[in-house]
Protein backbone atom coordinates (compact mmCIF):
# COMPACT_ATOMS: atom_id res chain seq x y z
CA UNK A 1 0.00 0.00 0.00
CA UNK A 2 1.36 3.40 -0.88
CA UNK A 3 2.00 6.17 1.61
CA UNK A 4 -0.95 8.11 0.15
CA UNK A 5 -3.27 5.36 1.41
CA UNK A 6 -1.67 4.75 4.83
CA UNK A 7 -3.35 7.81 6.36
CA UNK A 8 -6.78 6.92 5.01
CA UNK A 9 -9.35 8.20 7.53
CA UNK A 10 -11.82 5.93 9.24
CA UNK A 11 -14.71 7.52 7.34
CA UNK A 12 -13.52 5.97 4.07
CA UNK A 13 -13.52 2.52 5.67
CA UNK A 14 -17.12 3.16 6.67
CA UNK A 15 -18.02 4.03 3.10
CA UNK A 16 -16.25 0.95 1.78
CA UNK A 17 -18.18 -1.35 4.11
CA UNK A 18 -21.52 0.33 3.50
CA UNK A 19 -21.87 2.02 6.92
CA UNK A 20 -23.41 5.46 7.43
CA UNK A 21 -22.06 8.46 9.25
CA UNK A 22 -19.45 9.98 6.93
CA UNK A 23 -18.64 13.64 7.29
CA UNK A 24 -20.86 16.18 5.48
CA UNK A 25 -19.85 17.32 2.02
CA UNK A 26 -17.29 20.10 1.89
CA UNK A 27 -17.89 23.36 0.09
CA UNK A 28 -16.23 24.07 -3.26
CA UNK A 29 -13.77 26.44 -1.55
CA UNK A 30 -12.87 23.84 1.07
CA UNK A 31 -12.43 21.20 -1.62
CA UNK A 32 -10.01 23.41 -3.52
CA UNK A 33 -8.05 24.31 -0.38
CA UNK A 34 -7.75 20.90 1.28
CA UNK A 35 -8.52 18.23 -1.26
CA UNK A 36 -7.72 17.21 -4.83
CA UNK A 37 -8.31 19.60 -7.68
CA UNK A 38 -9.28 17.01 -10.28
CA UNK A 39 -10.87 13.58 -10.40
CA UNK A 40 -10.06 11.31 -13.34
CA UNK A 41 -12.55 8.48 -13.86
CA UNK A 42 -12.46 5.26 -15.81
CA UNK A 43 -15.53 4.39 -17.89
CA UNK A 44 -16.31 0.67 -18.17
CA UNK A 45 -16.68 -1.14 -14.89
CA UNK A 46 -16.65 2.24 -13.15
CA UNK A 47 -19.36 4.55 -14.53
CA UNK A 48 -21.18 1.92 -16.56
CA UNK A 49 -21.01 -1.86 -16.36
CA UNK A 50 -18.75 -3.71 -18.73
CA UNK A 51 -20.67 -6.40 -20.66
CA UNK A 52 -21.09 -9.87 -19.25
CA UNK A 53 -20.94 -13.04 -21.32
CA UNK A 54 -24.66 -13.00 -22.11
CA UNK A 55 -24.61 -9.37 -23.26
CA UNK A 56 -21.51 -10.05 -25.31
CA UNK A 57 -23.27 -12.95 -27.01
CA UNK A 58 -26.21 -10.75 -27.98
CA UNK A 59 -23.86 -8.13 -29.44
CA UNK A 60 -21.94 -10.81 -31.34
CA UNK A 61 -25.17 -12.19 -32.80
CA UNK A 62 -26.23 -8.72 -34.02
CA UNK A 63 -22.85 -8.10 -35.63
CA UNK A 64 -22.88 -11.56 -37.21
CA UNK A 65 -26.27 -10.84 -38.74
CA UNK A 66 -25.07 -7.49 -40.07
CA UNK A 67 -21.96 -9.09 -41.55
CA UNK A 68 -23.68 -12.19 -42.86
CA UNK A 69 -21.22 -14.53 -41.12
CA UNK A 70 -21.33 -16.92 -38.17
CA UNK A 71 -21.36 -15.75 -34.58
CA UNK A 72 -18.28 -17.88 -33.97
CA UNK A 73 -16.32 -15.98 -36.59
CA UNK A 74 -17.29 -12.62 -35.06
CA UNK A 75 -16.54 -13.74 -31.50
CA UNK A 76 -13.10 -15.00 -32.50
CA UNK A 77 -12.24 -11.79 -34.32
CA UNK A 78 -13.51 -9.49 -31.58
CA UNK A 79 -11.28 -11.31 -29.10
CA UNK A 80 -8.29 -11.25 -31.45
CA UNK A 81 -8.72 -7.58 -32.35
CA UNK A 82 -9.11 -6.06 -28.88
CA UNK A 83 -5.79 -4.24 -29.03
CA UNK A 84 -6.09 -2.84 -32.55
CA UNK A 85 -9.61 -1.63 -31.73
CA UNK A 86 -8.34 0.18 -28.65
CA UNK A 87 -4.76 1.35 -29.31
CA UNK A 88 -5.35 3.75 -32.21
CA UNK A 89 -4.71 1.47 -35.16
CA UNK A 90 -8.42 1.68 -36.03
CA UNK A 91 -9.68 5.21 -35.46
CA UNK A 92 -13.36 5.13 -36.48
CA UNK A 93 -16.39 2.85 -36.24
CA UNK A 94 -16.24 2.53 -40.02
CA UNK A 95 -12.62 1.38 -39.79
CA UNK A 96 -13.54 -1.22 -37.16
CA UNK A 97 -16.39 -2.44 -39.34
CA UNK A 98 -14.05 -2.68 -42.32
CA UNK A 99 -11.57 -4.65 -40.22
CA UNK A 100 -14.29 -7.10 -39.17
CA UNK A 101 -15.48 -7.45 -42.78
CA UNK A 102 -11.98 -8.30 -43.93
CA UNK A 103 -11.08 -10.67 -41.10
CA UNK A 104 -14.43 -12.47 -41.15
CA UNK A 105 -14.40 -12.75 -44.97
CA UNK A 106 -17.69 -10.88 -45.21
CA UNK A 107 -18.91 -8.97 -48.24
CA UNK A 108 -17.58 -5.40 -48.45
CA UNK A 109 -21.11 -4.08 -48.93
CA UNK A 110 -21.80 -5.10 -45.32
CA UNK A 111 -19.41 -2.49 -43.91
CA UNK A 112 -21.88 0.35 -43.43
CA UNK A 113 -24.42 -1.98 -41.84
CA UNK A 114 -21.83 -3.29 -39.39
CA UNK A 115 -20.68 0.23 -38.51
CA UNK A 116 -24.28 1.19 -37.76
CA UNK A 117 -24.65 -1.78 -35.42
CA UNK A 118 -21.40 -0.86 -33.65
CA UNK A 119 -22.61 2.69 -33.03
CA UNK A 120 -26.03 1.52 -31.82
CA UNK A 121 -24.45 -0.94 -29.40
CA UNK A 122 -22.07 1.78 -28.19
CA UNK A 123 -24.93 4.18 -27.52
CA UNK A 124 -26.71 1.53 -25.45
CA UNK A 125 -23.55 0.78 -23.44
CA UNK A 126 -23.12 4.46 -22.60
CA UNK A 127 -26.49 4.81 -20.83
CA UNK A 128 -25.72 5.35 -17.13
CA UNK A 129 -27.86 4.66 -14.12
CA UNK A 130 -29.53 7.85 -12.89
CA UNK A 131 -27.66 7.45 -9.61
CA UNK A 132 -24.36 7.78 -11.47
CA UNK A 133 -25.39 11.11 -12.96
CA UNK A 134 -26.46 12.32 -9.53
CA UNK A 135 -23.05 11.36 -8.13
CA UNK A 136 -21.26 13.13 -10.99
CA UNK A 137 -23.34 16.25 -10.40
CA UNK A 138 -22.47 16.17 -6.69
CA UNK A 139 -18.78 15.76 -7.42
CA UNK A 140 -18.92 18.66 -9.86
CA UNK A 141 -20.71 20.87 -7.32
CA UNK A 142 -17.98 20.11 -4.77
CA UNK A 143 -15.53 22.02 -6.96
CA UNK A 144 -13.75 19.04 -8.50
CA UNK A 145 -12.82 19.15 -12.16
CA UNK A 146 -13.89 15.87 -13.76
CA UNK A 147 -12.04 14.08 -16.54
CA UNK A 148 -12.57 10.73 -18.25
CA UNK A 149 -9.83 8.31 -19.30
CA UNK A 150 -11.02 5.15 -21.02
CA UNK A 151 -9.62 2.24 -22.95
CA UNK A 152 -12.27 2.40 -25.64
CA UNK A 153 -12.91 1.50 -29.25
CA UNK A 154 -13.79 4.22 -31.79
CA UNK A 155 -17.52 3.47 -31.77
CA UNK A 156 -17.58 4.31 -28.05
CA UNK A 157 -15.52 7.47 -28.56
CA UNK A 158 -17.76 8.65 -31.39
CA UNK A 159 -20.93 8.17 -29.32
CA UNK A 160 -19.62 9.62 -26.05
CA UNK A 161 -20.91 13.14 -26.65
CA UNK A 162 -24.47 11.77 -26.85
CA UNK A 163 -24.23 10.15 -23.41
CA UNK A 164 -25.98 11.70 -20.42
CA UNK A 165 -22.61 11.62 -18.64
CA UNK A 166 -20.64 13.71 -21.12
CA UNK A 167 -21.71 17.15 -19.88
CA UNK A 168 -20.17 16.55 -16.45
CA UNK A 169 -16.65 16.11 -17.83
CA UNK A 170 -14.27 18.90 -18.71
CA UNK A 171 -11.98 16.56 -20.66
CA UNK A 172 -12.44 13.07 -22.11
CA UNK A 173 -9.60 10.96 -23.50
CA UNK A 174 -10.05 7.64 -25.31
CA UNK A 175 -7.26 5.18 -26.00
CA UNK A 176 -8.32 4.71 -29.63
CA UNK A 177 -7.71 8.41 -30.28
CA UNK A 178 -4.68 8.76 -27.98
CA UNK A 179 -2.76 5.91 -29.63
CA UNK A 180 -2.14 3.71 -26.58
CA UNK A 181 -3.92 1.72 -23.89
CA UNK A 182 -3.52 1.89 -20.13
CA UNK A 183 -1.19 2.04 -18.31
CA UNK A 184 0.79 4.05 -20.89
CA UNK A 185 2.14 7.09 -18.96
CA UNK A 186 1.32 9.61 -21.67
CA UNK A 187 -2.39 8.82 -21.35
CA UNK A 188 -2.44 10.12 -17.80
CA UNK A 189 0.13 12.84 -18.37
CA UNK A 190 -1.55 14.15 -21.50
CA UNK A 191 -4.94 14.31 -19.81
CA UNK A 192 -3.56 16.19 -16.81
CA UNK A 193 -1.71 18.57 -19.11
CA UNK A 194 -4.99 19.41 -20.84
CA UNK A 195 -6.49 20.13 -17.43
CA UNK A 196 -3.41 22.03 -16.24
CA UNK A 197 -3.37 19.96 -13.04
CA UNK A 198 -0.31 18.40 -11.38
CA UNK A 199 -0.48 14.62 -10.76
CA UNK A 200 -0.31 15.09 -6.98
CA UNK A 201 -3.47 17.18 -7.15
CA UNK A 202 -5.49 14.52 -8.96
CA UNK A 203 -7.30 11.37 -7.88
CA UNK A 204 -7.67 8.50 -10.33
CA UNK A 205 -10.66 6.20 -9.78
CA UNK A 206 -11.29 2.98 -11.71
CA UNK A 207 -12.15 -0.69 -11.30
CA UNK A 208 -8.58 -1.78 -11.98
CA UNK A 209 -8.71 -3.14 -15.53
CA UNK A 210 -5.65 -2.54 -17.67
CA UNK A 211 -3.41 -2.04 -14.62
CA UNK A 212 -4.84 1.48 -14.56
CA UNK A 213 -4.48 2.12 -10.82
CA UNK A 214 -0.78 1.29 -10.65
CA UNK A 215 -0.24 3.32 -13.82
CA UNK A 216 -1.83 6.36 -12.21
CA UNK A 217 0.15 5.83 -9.02
CA UNK A 218 3.46 5.61 -10.88
CA UNK A 219 2.75 9.03 -12.39
CA UNK A 220 2.13 10.50 -8.94
CA UNK A 221 -1.68 10.51 -8.94
CA UNK A 222 -3.65 9.24 -5.95
CA UNK A 223 -5.44 6.01 -6.96
CA UNK A 224 -8.77 4.82 -5.61
CA UNK A 225 -10.36 1.58 -6.71
CA UNK A 226 -14.10 1.23 -7.24
CA UNK A 227 -15.54 -2.28 -7.17
CA UNK A 228 -16.43 -3.38 -10.69
CA UNK A 229 -19.87 -2.10 -11.62
CA UNK A 230 -22.23 -4.98 -12.29
CA UNK A 231 -20.09 -7.49 -10.40
CA UNK A 232 -16.79 -9.28 -10.75
CA UNK A 233 -18.15 -11.52 -13.54
CA UNK A 234 -18.18 -8.58 -15.95
CA UNK A 235 -15.56 -8.75 -18.69
CA UNK A 236 -12.26 -7.00 -17.97
CA UNK A 237 -8.85 -6.91 -19.64
CA UNK A 238 -5.48 -6.82 -17.90
CA UNK A 239 -6.72 -6.61 -14.30
CA UNK A 240 -4.02 -6.76 -11.64
CA UNK A 241 -4.33 -7.17 -7.84
CA UNK A 242 -4.87 -3.98 -5.82
CA UNK A 243 -4.38 -3.59 -2.06
CA UNK A 244 -4.93 0.16 -1.83
CA UNK A 245 -7.98 2.22 -0.94
CA UNK A 246 -11.33 1.36 -2.47
CA UNK A 247 -14.99 2.34 -2.46
CA UNK A 248 -17.93 0.12 -3.42
CA UNK A 249 -19.34 2.33 -6.18
CA UNK A 250 -19.25 5.71 -7.86
CA UNK A 251 -22.31 6.62 -5.83
CA UNK A 252 -20.16 6.32 -2.68
CA UNK A 253 -17.39 8.51 -4.06
CA UNK A 254 -18.72 11.96 -3.11
CA UNK A 255 -19.02 10.92 0.54
CA UNK A 256 -15.59 9.28 0.49
CA UNK A 257 -13.92 12.44 -0.80
CA UNK A 258 -15.97 14.65 1.52
CA UNK A 259 -14.76 12.56 4.47
CA UNK A 260 -11.24 13.91 3.96
CA UNK A 261 -9.62 11.38 1.60
CA UNK A 262 -7.05 11.85 0.21
CA UNK A 263 -5.07 13.86 2.74
């Protein structure tokens, strides 16, 4: 556990175990004076649930129908192409669709149809629970500057602005447009540079996929794990063990920060 977590106040433990009685929310001026200036949030598994196996199967079936190929072919290619769909090699939903057409030996005239399915699925995945939006609004009112950092494919990045969450974030960075996946240092550093915030003045919160928490910590940010939204059975890539501070959900985050963490 890092030194930034050793002085974790008892109130955060109460939040993590579901108990009541955390300190009241600080004012915006108090937040700026005594707490972090910025909060960087992960997307999948943090703000919205990552898909489970059943949801993945439904998406695969829809893409297979659009491409005119078997579900097995689509499933195999989606698994094989995770990195190129997320690291900037494919930079648009149309490019992803074209990649799937080529690798699944589908007809080229299926590309536009597949791209449309990708965008529709992305829009559905970016619908948050109302409680998440309430938490984001509370965090924003506290004086924190909110930023998003997500390992995401281009269909997600293209549909982000339509999400009910987008208006709460000052900056959003997606791996497919940044040219690397977590925990690449320039993802964190570039985002903080756009905010004009030093790493020590920023908290990074995510479910831990992609070694994101250790990556943020190595840059000097203060990491806080949120338990994976939707449960541990949700799909995740590159998760590593984490022994540092955690909260059970985004909904618990405003109270955790108001309680005095991090100090």
